[in-house]
Amino acid sequence: MRTLLESLASTPSPASPHGRLGDLDRVGDAALEAAAWIREQDPHALHALLTRIGGERPAALADITMALAALVDPDETDAARAARVEAISAPRVRLVGKRYGGAA
């Protein structure tokens, strides 16, 4: 079964103005799916999907980006943000290192 992001990446813009997602629930679902994907699956695959969505439906990508921006706390300290990003990315870095024979 295809995910919402995969569906958006392979579906040209509809007749609706600028290919926007329209339904705010759908925008939120796509943003949360991207947030989960970056933690649980290959980030390169997410990058490829978002790139394809941007090519097929640029306004939909803008909708998703704006929803993700709304999820970020602008009052969070840089140190706290860096620690959160490190916690998300560190397991991926170790996995890639193992995959390519680097130090884990």
C-alpha atoms as a PDB file:
ATOM      1  CA  MET A   1       0.000   0.000   0.000  1.00  0.00           C
ATOM      2  CA  ARG A   2       1.372   3.387  -0.985  1.00  0.00           C
ATOM      3  CA  THR A   3       1.771   6.096   1.586  1.00  0.00           C
ATOM      4  CA  LEU A   4       0.284   9.554   1.162  1.00  0.00           C
ATOM      5  CA  LEU A   5       3.703  10.986   0.299  1.00  0.00           C
ATOM      6  CA  GLU A   6       4.315   8.273  -2.306  1.00  0.00           C
ATOM      7  CA  SER A   7       0.905   8.975  -3.800  1.00  0.00           C
ATOM      8  CA  LEU A   8       1.593  12.712  -3.985  1.00  0.00           C
ATOM      9  CA  ALA A   9       4.997  12.099  -5.573  1.00  0.00           C
ATOM     10  CA  SER A  10       3.502  10.068  -8.407  1.00  0.00           C
ATOM     11  CA  THR A  11       0.326  12.076  -9.030  1.00  0.00           C
ATOM     12  CA  PRO A  12       0.460  15.166 -11.236  1.00  0.00           C
ATOM     13  CA  SER A  13      -1.188  18.312  -9.989  1.00  0.00           C
ATOM     14  CA  PRO A  14      -4.950  18.078 -10.142  1.00  0.00           C
ATOM     15  CA  ALA A  15      -7.127  20.707 -11.732  1.00  0.00           C
ATOM     16  CA  SER A  16      -7.370  22.488  -8.370  1.00  0.00           C
ATOM     17  CA  PRO A  17      -5.505  25.787  -8.161  1.00  0.00           C
ATOM     18  CA  HIS A  18      -1.749  25.232  -8.112  1.00  0.00           C
ATOM     19  CA  GLY A  19      -2.019  21.583  -7.027  1.00  0.00           C
ATOM     20  CA  ARG A  20      -2.590  22.421  -3.372  1.00  0.00           C
ATOM     21  CA  LEU A  21      -3.626  19.651  -1.039  1.00  0.00           C
ATOM     22  CA  GLY A  22      -6.672  21.634   0.009  1.00  0.00           C
ATOM     23  CA  ASP A  23      -7.804  19.537   2.956  1.00  0.00           C
ATOM     24  CA  LEU A  24      -5.945  20.614   6.109  1.00  0.00           C
ATOM     25  CA  ASP A  25      -6.238  17.119   7.563  1.00  0.00           C
ATOM     26  CA  ARG A  26      -4.447  15.776   4.489  1.00  0.00           C
ATOM     27  CA  VAL A  27      -1.736  18.432   4.830  1.00  0.00           C
ATOM     28  CA  GLY A  28      -1.247  17.481   8.489  1.00  0.00           C
ATOM     29  CA  ASP A  29      -1.166  13.779   7.651  1.00  0.00           C
ATOM     30  CA  ALA A  30       1.500  14.354   4.988  1.00  0.00           C
ATOM     31  CA  ALA A  31       3.627  16.464   7.362  1.00  0.00           C
ATOM     32  CA  LEU A  32       3.389  13.904  10.174  1.00  0.00           C
ATOM     33  CA  GLU A  33       4.200  11.118   7.707  1.00  0.00           C
ATOM     34  CA  ALA A  34       7.362  13.004   6.678  1.00  0.00           C
ATOM     35  CA  ALA A  35       8.301  13.478  10.351  1.00  0.00           C
ATOM     36  CA  ALA A  36       7.890   9.758  11.012  1.00  0.00           C
ATOM     37  CA  TRP A  37       9.656   8.766   7.787  1.00  0.00           C
ATOM     38  CA  ILE A  38      12.830  10.726   8.657  1.00  0.00           C
ATOM     39  CA  ARG A  39      13.093   8.711  11.884  1.00  0.00           C
ATOM     40  CA  GLU A  40      11.972   5.261  10.748  1.00  0.00           C
ATOM     41  CA  GLN A  41      12.977   4.862   7.108  1.00  0.00           C
ATOM     42  CA  ASP A  42      15.716   5.845   4.698  1.00  0.00           C
ATOM     43  CA  PRO A  43      16.068   9.657   4.732  1.00  0.00           C
ATOM     44  CA  HIS A  44      17.343   9.502   1.139  1.00  0.00           C
ATOM     45  CA  ALA A  45      14.038   7.962   0.079  1.00  0.00           C
ATOM     46  CA  LEU A  46      12.152  10.773   1.837  1.00  0.00           C
ATOM     47  CA  HIS A  47      14.335  13.338   0.074  1.00  0.00           C
ATOM     48  CA  ALA A  48      13.592  11.685  -3.277  1.00  0.00           C
ATOM     49  CA  LEU A  49       9.847  11.677  -2.546  1.00  0.00           C
ATOM     50  CA  LEU A  50       9.795  15.319  -1.498  1.00  0.00           C
ATOM     51  CA  THR A  51      11.803  16.258  -4.586  1.00  0.00           C
ATOM     52  CA  ARG A  52       9.292  14.435  -6.800  1.00  0.00           C
ATOM     53  CA  ILE A  53       6.360  16.071  -5.004  1.00  0.00           C
ATOM     54  CA  GLY A  54       8.003  19.447  -5.597  1.00  0.00           C
ATOM     55  CA  GLY A  55       8.294  18.676  -9.298  1.00  0.00           C
ATOM     56  CA  GLU A  56       4.764  17.373  -9.692  1.00  0.00           C
ATOM     57  CA  ARG A  57       2.924  19.488  -7.131  1.00  0.00           C
ATOM     58  CA  PRO A  58       4.982  22.448  -5.896  1.00  0.00           C
ATOM     59  CA  ALA A  59       2.077  23.980  -3.977  1.00  0.00           C
ATOM     60  CA  ALA A  60       1.486  20.676  -2.165  1.00  0.00           C
ATOM     61  CA  LEU A  61       5.145  20.660  -1.130  1.00  0.00           C
ATOM     62  CA  ALA A  62       4.720  24.224   0.138  1.00  0.00           C
ATOM     63  CA  ASP A  63       1.658  23.097   2.144  1.00  0.00           C
ATOM     64  CA  ILE A  64       3.666  20.258   3.737  1.00  0.00           C
ATOM     65  CA  THR A  65       6.633  22.550   4.445  1.00  0.00           C
ATOM     66  CA  MET A  66       4.396  25.128   6.125  1.00  0.00           C
ATOM     67  CA  ALA A  67       2.767  22.441   8.274  1.00  0.00           C
ATOM     68  CA  LEU A  68       6.194  21.172   9.343  1.00  0.00           C
ATOM     69  CA  ALA A  69       7.301  24.727  10.135  1.00  0.00           C
ATOM     70  CA  ALA A  70       4.250  25.124  12.359  1.00  0.00           C
ATOM     71  CA  LEU A  71       5.388  22.071  14.351  1.00  0.00           C
ATOM     72  CA  VAL A  72       8.721  23.689  15.238  1.00  0.00           C
ATOM     73  CA  ASP A  73       8.901  25.616  18.492  1.00  0.00           C
ATOM     74  CA  PRO A  74      10.687  28.887  17.654  1.00  0.00           C
ATOM     75  CA  ASP A  75      11.405  29.409  21.356  1.00  0.00           C
ATOM     76  CA  GLU A  76      13.355  26.158  21.633  1.00  0.00           C
ATOM     77  CA  THR A  77      17.026  26.834  22.317  1.00  0.00           C
ATOM     78  CA  ASP A  78      19.603  26.044  19.664  1.00  0.00           C
ATOM     79  CA  ALA A  79      21.200  23.527  22.031  1.00  0.00           C
ATOM     80  CA  ALA A  80      17.900  21.719  22.594  1.00  0.00           C
ATOM     81  CA  ARG A  81      17.157  21.696  18.866  1.00  0.00           C
ATOM     82  CA  ALA A  82      20.640  20.379  18.074  1.00  0.00           C
ATOM     83  CA  ALA A  83      20.260  17.638  20.691  1.00  0.00           C
ATOM     84  CA  ARG A  84      16.896  16.602  19.231  1.00  0.00           C
ATOM     85  CA  VAL A  85      18.286  16.485  15.683  1.00  0.00           C
ATOM     86  CA  GLU A  86      21.319  14.535  16.906  1.00  0.00           C
ATOM     87  CA  ALA A  87      19.052  11.999  18.625  1.00  0.00           C
ATOM     88  CA  ILE A  88      17.121  11.531  15.375  1.00  0.00           C
ATOM     89  CA  SER A  89      20.138  11.362  13.072  1.00  0.00           C
ATOM     90  CA  ALA A  90      22.761   9.537  15.158  1.00  0.00           C
ATOM     91  CA  PRO A  91      21.267   6.053  14.652  1.00  0.00           C
ATOM     92  CA  ARG A  92      21.121   6.708  10.896  1.00  0.00           C
ATOM     93  CA  VAL A  93      24.753   7.830  10.788  1.00  0.00           C
ATOM     94  CA  ARG A  94      25.807   4.644  12.587  1.00  0.00           C
ATOM     95  CA  LEU A  95      23.736   2.516  10.196  1.00  0.00           C
ATOM     96  CA  VAL A  96      25.257   4.155   7.128  1.00  0.00           C
ATOM     97  CA  GLY A  97      28.737   3.778   8.612  1.00  0.00           C
ATOM     98  CA  LYS A  98      28.191   0.061   9.123  1.00  0.00           C
ATOM     99  CA  ARG A  99      26.695  -0.332   5.648  1.00  0.00           C
ATOM    100  CA  TYR A 100      29.748   1.255   4.007  1.00  0.00           C
ATOM    101  CA  GLY A 101      32.385  -0.278   6.235  1.00  0.00           C
ATOM    102  CA  GLY A 102      33.036   2.785   8.379  1.00  0.00           C
ATOM    103  CA  ALA A 103      33.336   2.992  12.117  1.00  0.00           C
ATOM    104  CA  ALA A 104      30.041   2.541  13.919  1.00  0.00           C
END
